Amino acid sequence: MALTLDLSGTVVLVTGGSRGIGRGIASAFLEAGATVVTCGRSEAEPREGVRHILCDVRDPESVEAMVATILAEYGRLDVLVNNAGGAPSTDAATASPRFHDKIIGLNLNAPLLVAQVANRAMRATGGGSIINITSISAHRPAPTIAAYAAAKAGLESLTKSLAMEWGPAVRVNSIEVGLCRTEQTDDHYGSDERVARIEATIPLGRMARPDEVGNVAVFLASDLASYVSGASVGCHGGGEPPVFLHIS
């Protein structure tokens, strides 16, 4: 069954939207007819229908300049998808305070900063929708990603707080993403055989596609979700079952 929501006339900002999950999110909004802006710290490969702006989402001046550019060029900002984030695997016992500051800065403080600036812009034109991309790691303990998981858990809490504070003009929701196939999957997880074994543990039998995460974001930005705010929508194929279920 094909279902396409019409977001024509909607201006959408996807942070970190030039690759991986962010690229899939941008694609889904393009498919829905939206005007799409992405941002990142480096230039992106030119893409039809997408405006890319250089921006460090951790820097207040850079974020203010980016949103000012969007308003100058399009006159409005309707949707923000806080997608930029990530972290290398590191032993929590030996990671430096500076490392933890950087991880929490990118995955929690930066989304709050961009949301603050976007909220002001949205209110000036009648309101909008903010969607934070979080992770199943926010609720599932795992080694080597302690600061990242804590930041994503904080982003889940932040989502609910902002939804309560910024309604009714601005709706705020999150998407809890599980394992997702991107251009970095093979490098991260290893051989196709190992990826297949990992996918076999997921209830739906495979990792998500980036555009499937994007489809959830399009729904949350649309009028079909007009009474949805402060929600966390799981896009993880049913979750990651505990390891004892796979030990015979």
Protein backbone atom coordinates (compact mmCIF):
# COMPACT_ATOMS: atom_id res chain seq x y z
CA MET A 1 0.00 0.00 0.00
CA ALA A 2 1.42 3.38 -1.00
CA LEU A 3 0.69 6.33 1.25
CA THR A 4 2.23 9.74 0.65
CA LEU A 5 1.48 12.71 2.87
CA ASP A 6 1.45 16.13 1.22
CA LEU A 7 3.71 18.63 2.97
CA SER A 8 3.91 21.06 0.06
CA GLY A 9 4.72 24.56 1.26
CA THR A 10 6.38 23.25 4.42
CA VAL A 11 9.98 24.24 5.15
CA VAL A 12 11.94 21.53 6.96
CA LEU A 13 15.40 21.63 8.54
CA VAL A 14 17.18 18.29 9.05
CA THR A 15 20.41 18.62 11.02
CA GLY A 16 23.08 16.19 9.86
CA GLY A 17 20.85 15.49 6.88
CA SER A 18 23.42 14.80 4.19
CA ARG A 19 24.19 11.16 5.03
CA GLY A 20 23.01 8.12 6.95
CA ILE A 21 19.69 8.33 8.74
CA GLY A 22 19.55 12.08 8.16
CA ARG A 23 19.71 11.61 4.41
CA GLY A 24 16.83 9.15 4.60
CA ILE A 25 14.81 11.63 6.63
CA ALA A 26 15.51 14.37 4.08
CA SER A 27 14.43 12.00 1.29
CA ALA A 28 11.13 11.24 2.99
CA PHE A 29 10.31 14.94 3.35
CA LEU A 30 11.27 15.57 -0.30
CA GLU A 31 8.93 12.76 -1.32
CA ALA A 32 6.17 14.48 0.66
CA GLY A 33 6.73 17.72 -1.28
CA ALA A 34 8.44 19.74 1.46
CA THR A 35 11.21 22.26 0.97
CA VAL A 36 14.22 20.65 2.65
CA VAL A 37 17.25 22.29 4.23
CA THR A 38 20.10 20.24 5.68
CA CYS A 39 23.10 21.37 7.66
CA GLY A 40 26.50 20.10 8.70
CA ARG A 41 30.02 21.22 9.50
CA SER A 42 31.26 20.34 6.00
CA GLU A 43 30.01 20.75 2.47
CA ALA A 44 27.61 18.09 1.21
CA GLU A 45 27.31 16.50 -2.19
CA PRO A 46 24.85 18.63 -4.19
CA ARG A 47 21.38 17.13 -4.14
CA GLU A 48 18.39 18.22 -6.18
CA GLY A 49 15.74 19.89 -4.07
CA VAL A 50 17.94 20.22 -0.98
CA ARG A 51 19.57 23.40 0.34
CA HIS A 52 22.65 22.65 2.45
CA ILE A 53 23.98 25.19 4.97
CA LEU A 54 27.29 24.99 6.78
CA CYS A 55 26.61 25.03 10.51
CA ASP A 56 28.09 23.71 13.73
CA VAL A 57 24.97 22.88 15.73
CA ARG A 58 26.96 23.20 18.96
CA ASP A 59 27.74 26.86 18.32
CA PRO A 60 25.04 29.45 19.13
CA GLU A 61 26.20 32.02 16.58
CA SER A 62 26.35 29.41 13.84
CA VAL A 63 22.83 28.18 14.63
CA GLU A 64 21.41 31.71 14.76
CA ALA A 65 23.00 32.47 11.38
CA MET A 66 21.62 29.27 9.84
CA VAL A 67 18.03 29.92 10.94
CA ALA A 68 18.34 33.56 9.84
CA THR A 69 19.39 32.32 6.40
CA ILE A 70 16.41 29.97 6.21
CA LEU A 71 14.02 32.77 7.16
CA ALA A 72 15.62 35.15 4.66
CA GLU A 73 15.37 32.64 1.80
CA TYR A 74 12.06 30.92 2.56
CA GLY A 75 10.26 33.23 4.98
CA ARG A 76 9.45 30.51 7.50
CA LEU A 77 10.57 27.36 9.29
CA ASP A 78 7.87 24.79 9.95
CA VAL A 79 9.68 21.62 10.97
CA LEU A 80 12.98 20.88 12.70
CA VAL A 81 14.40 17.37 12.80
CA ASN A 82 17.23 17.23 15.32
CA ASN A 83 19.14 14.35 13.77
CA ALA A 84 22.82 15.30 14.11
CA GLY A 85 24.57 13.17 16.71
CA GLY A 86 26.58 10.04 17.32
CA ALA A 87 29.63 8.87 19.24
CA PRO A 88 32.60 6.53 18.87
CA SER A 89 32.75 3.53 21.16
CA THR A 90 34.85 4.26 24.24
CA ASP A 91 35.49 2.68 27.64
CA ALA A 92 33.66 4.84 30.18
CA ALA A 93 36.30 4.12 32.82
CA THR A 94 39.10 5.73 30.84
CA ALA A 95 37.36 8.31 28.63
CA SER A 96 38.38 11.86 29.41
CA PRO A 97 36.04 14.53 30.81
CA ARG A 98 36.58 16.46 27.57
CA PHE A 99 35.39 13.45 25.54
CA HIS A 100 32.23 13.14 27.61
CA ASP A 101 31.60 16.89 27.35
CA LYS A 102 31.80 16.66 23.55
CA ILE A 103 29.44 13.67 23.34
CA ILE A 104 26.83 15.23 25.62
CA GLY A 105 27.30 18.56 23.87
CA LEU A 106 26.52 17.11 20.45
CA ASN A 107 23.74 14.74 21.44
CA LEU A 108 21.88 16.75 24.09
CA ASN A 109 22.97 20.38 24.35
CA ALA A 110 23.06 20.97 20.58
CA PRO A 111 19.49 19.71 19.97
CA LEU A 112 18.28 22.00 22.76
CA LEU A 113 20.14 24.96 21.22
CA VAL A 114 18.75 24.38 17.72
CA ALA A 115 15.28 23.79 19.16
CA GLN A 116 15.39 27.10 21.04
CA VAL A 117 16.23 29.06 17.91
CA ALA A 118 13.75 27.11 15.78
CA ASN A 119 11.00 27.59 18.36
CA ARG A 120 11.33 31.38 18.10
CA ALA A 121 11.20 31.23 14.31
CA MET A 122 8.18 28.91 14.30
CA ARG A 123 6.20 31.04 16.72
CA ALA A 124 6.68 34.06 14.47
CA THR A 125 4.76 32.28 11.69
CA GLY A 126 2.10 30.46 13.69
CA GLY A 127 3.85 27.38 15.07
CA GLY A 128 5.53 24.21 13.97
CA SER A 129 6.87 20.78 14.82
CA ILE A 130 10.17 19.68 16.36
CA ILE A 131 11.27 16.06 16.10
CA ASN A 132 14.25 14.77 18.07
CA ILE A 133 16.03 11.64 16.87
CA THR A 134 16.89 9.54 19.89
CA SER A 135 18.02 5.94 20.24
CA ILE A 136 16.99 2.63 21.70
CA SER A 137 20.25 3.01 23.63
CA ALA A 138 18.48 5.60 25.81
CA HIS A 139 16.66 2.74 27.55
CA ARG A 140 18.98 -0.22 26.96
CA PRO A 141 22.32 -0.31 28.77
CA ALA A 142 25.32 -1.17 26.63
CA PRO A 143 29.07 -0.97 27.13
CA THR A 144 31.26 1.64 25.39
CA ILE A 145 28.45 4.17 24.78
CA ALA A 146 27.69 5.37 28.32
CA ALA A 147 27.80 9.11 27.62
CA TYR A 148 25.93 8.74 24.31
CA ALA A 149 23.17 6.66 25.89
CA ALA A 150 22.86 9.09 28.79
CA ALA A 151 22.61 12.01 26.37
CA LYS A 152 19.89 10.27 24.36
CA ALA A 153 17.97 9.50 27.55
CA GLY A 154 18.27 13.17 28.41
CA LEU A 155 16.95 14.08 24.96
CA GLU A 156 13.90 11.87 25.54
CA SER A 157 13.23 13.74 28.79
CA LEU A 158 13.90 17.10 27.11
CA THR A 159 11.36 16.26 24.42
CA LYS A 160 8.60 15.83 26.98
CA SER A 161 9.56 18.98 28.87
CA LEU A 162 9.63 21.14 25.75
CA ALA A 163 6.32 19.71 24.56
CA MET A 164 4.73 20.81 27.82
CA GLU A 165 6.39 24.23 27.79
CA TRP A 166 6.04 25.15 24.11
CA GLY A 167 2.54 23.93 23.32
CA PRO A 168 0.16 24.68 21.78
CA ALA A 169 2.13 26.57 19.11
CA VAL A 170 4.96 24.05 18.75
CA ARG A 171 4.61 20.29 19.02
CA VAL A 172 7.71 18.37 20.18
CA ASN A 173 8.16 14.61 19.72
CA SER A 174 10.96 12.09 19.42
CA ILE A 175 11.72 9.01 17.34
CA GLU A 176 13.54 6.21 19.18
CA VAL A 177 15.66 4.58 16.48
CA GLY A 178 17.10 1.08 16.64
CA LEU A 179 19.58 -0.56 14.30
CA CYS A 180 19.48 1.03 10.86
CA ARG A 181 21.28 0.15 7.62
CA THR A 182 23.40 3.04 6.36
CA GLU A 183 26.56 3.44 4.32
CA GLN A 184 28.50 2.77 7.53
CA THR A 185 26.78 -0.49 8.50
CA ASP A 186 29.36 -2.87 7.04
CA ASP A 187 32.27 -0.89 8.47
CA HIS A 188 30.67 -0.86 11.91
CA TYR A 189 29.29 -4.39 12.16
CA GLY A 190 31.64 -6.33 9.89
CA SER A 191 30.79 -9.02 7.33
CA ASP A 192 27.43 -9.58 5.66
CA GLU A 193 27.16 -12.83 7.64
CA ARG A 194 27.58 -11.00 10.93
CA VAL A 195 25.04 -8.35 9.90
CA ALA A 196 22.59 -11.13 8.99
CA ARG A 197 23.01 -12.72 12.43
CA ILE A 198 22.36 -9.38 14.09
CA GLU A 199 19.28 -8.77 11.94
CA ALA A 200 17.92 -12.21 12.85
CA THR A 201 17.60 -11.06 16.48
CA ILE A 202 15.28 -8.17 15.55
CA PRO A 203 11.57 -9.07 15.72
CA LEU A 204 10.92 -7.73 12.19
CA GLY A 205 13.94 -9.65 10.91
CA ARG A 206 16.02 -6.78 9.57
CA MET A 207 17.48 -3.38 10.33
CA ALA A 208 15.51 -0.27 9.42
CA ARG A 209 16.07 1.68 6.22
CA PRO A 210 16.85 5.39 6.75
CA ASP A 211 13.76 6.38 4.76
CA GLU A 212 11.58 4.38 7.17
CA VAL A 213 12.77 6.60 9.99
CA GLY A 214 12.00 9.50 7.68
CA ASN A 215 8.46 8.27 7.13
CA VAL A 216 7.83 8.39 10.89
CA ALA A 217 9.21 11.94 10.95
CA VAL A 218 6.91 12.97 8.09
CA PHE A 219 3.93 11.57 9.98
CA LEU A 220 4.87 13.45 13.15
CA ALA A 221 5.25 16.67 11.17
CA SER A 222 1.92 16.24 9.39
CA ASP A 223 -1.62 17.17 10.36
CA LEU A 224 -2.30 13.47 10.99
CA ALA A 225 -0.26 13.94 14.18
CA SER A 226 -1.89 17.24 15.10
CA TYR A 227 -2.64 16.05 18.65
CA VAL A 228 0.62 14.18 19.16
CA SER A 229 3.13 16.02 21.34
CA GLY A 230 5.54 14.84 24.01
CA ALA A 231 5.52 11.36 22.49
CA SER A 232 8.36 8.96 21.80
CA VAL A 233 7.68 6.80 18.74
CA GLY A 234 9.70 3.60 18.46
CA CYS A 235 11.20 2.88 15.04
CA HIS A 236 13.22 -0.19 16.00
CA GLY A 237 11.45 -3.17 14.46
CA GLY A 238 10.09 -4.37 17.78
CA GLY A 239 13.20 -3.71 19.83
CA GLU A 240 16.24 -5.78 20.68
CA PRO A 241 15.32 -8.91 22.66
CA PRO A 242 17.47 -9.90 25.68
CA VAL A 243 20.40 -12.16 24.87
CA PHE A 244 19.08 -15.14 26.89
CA LEU A 245 16.36 -15.63 24.29
CA HIS A 246 19.05 -16.55 21.74
CA ILE A 247 21.04 -18.97 23.89
CA SER A 248 20.03 -22.61 23.54
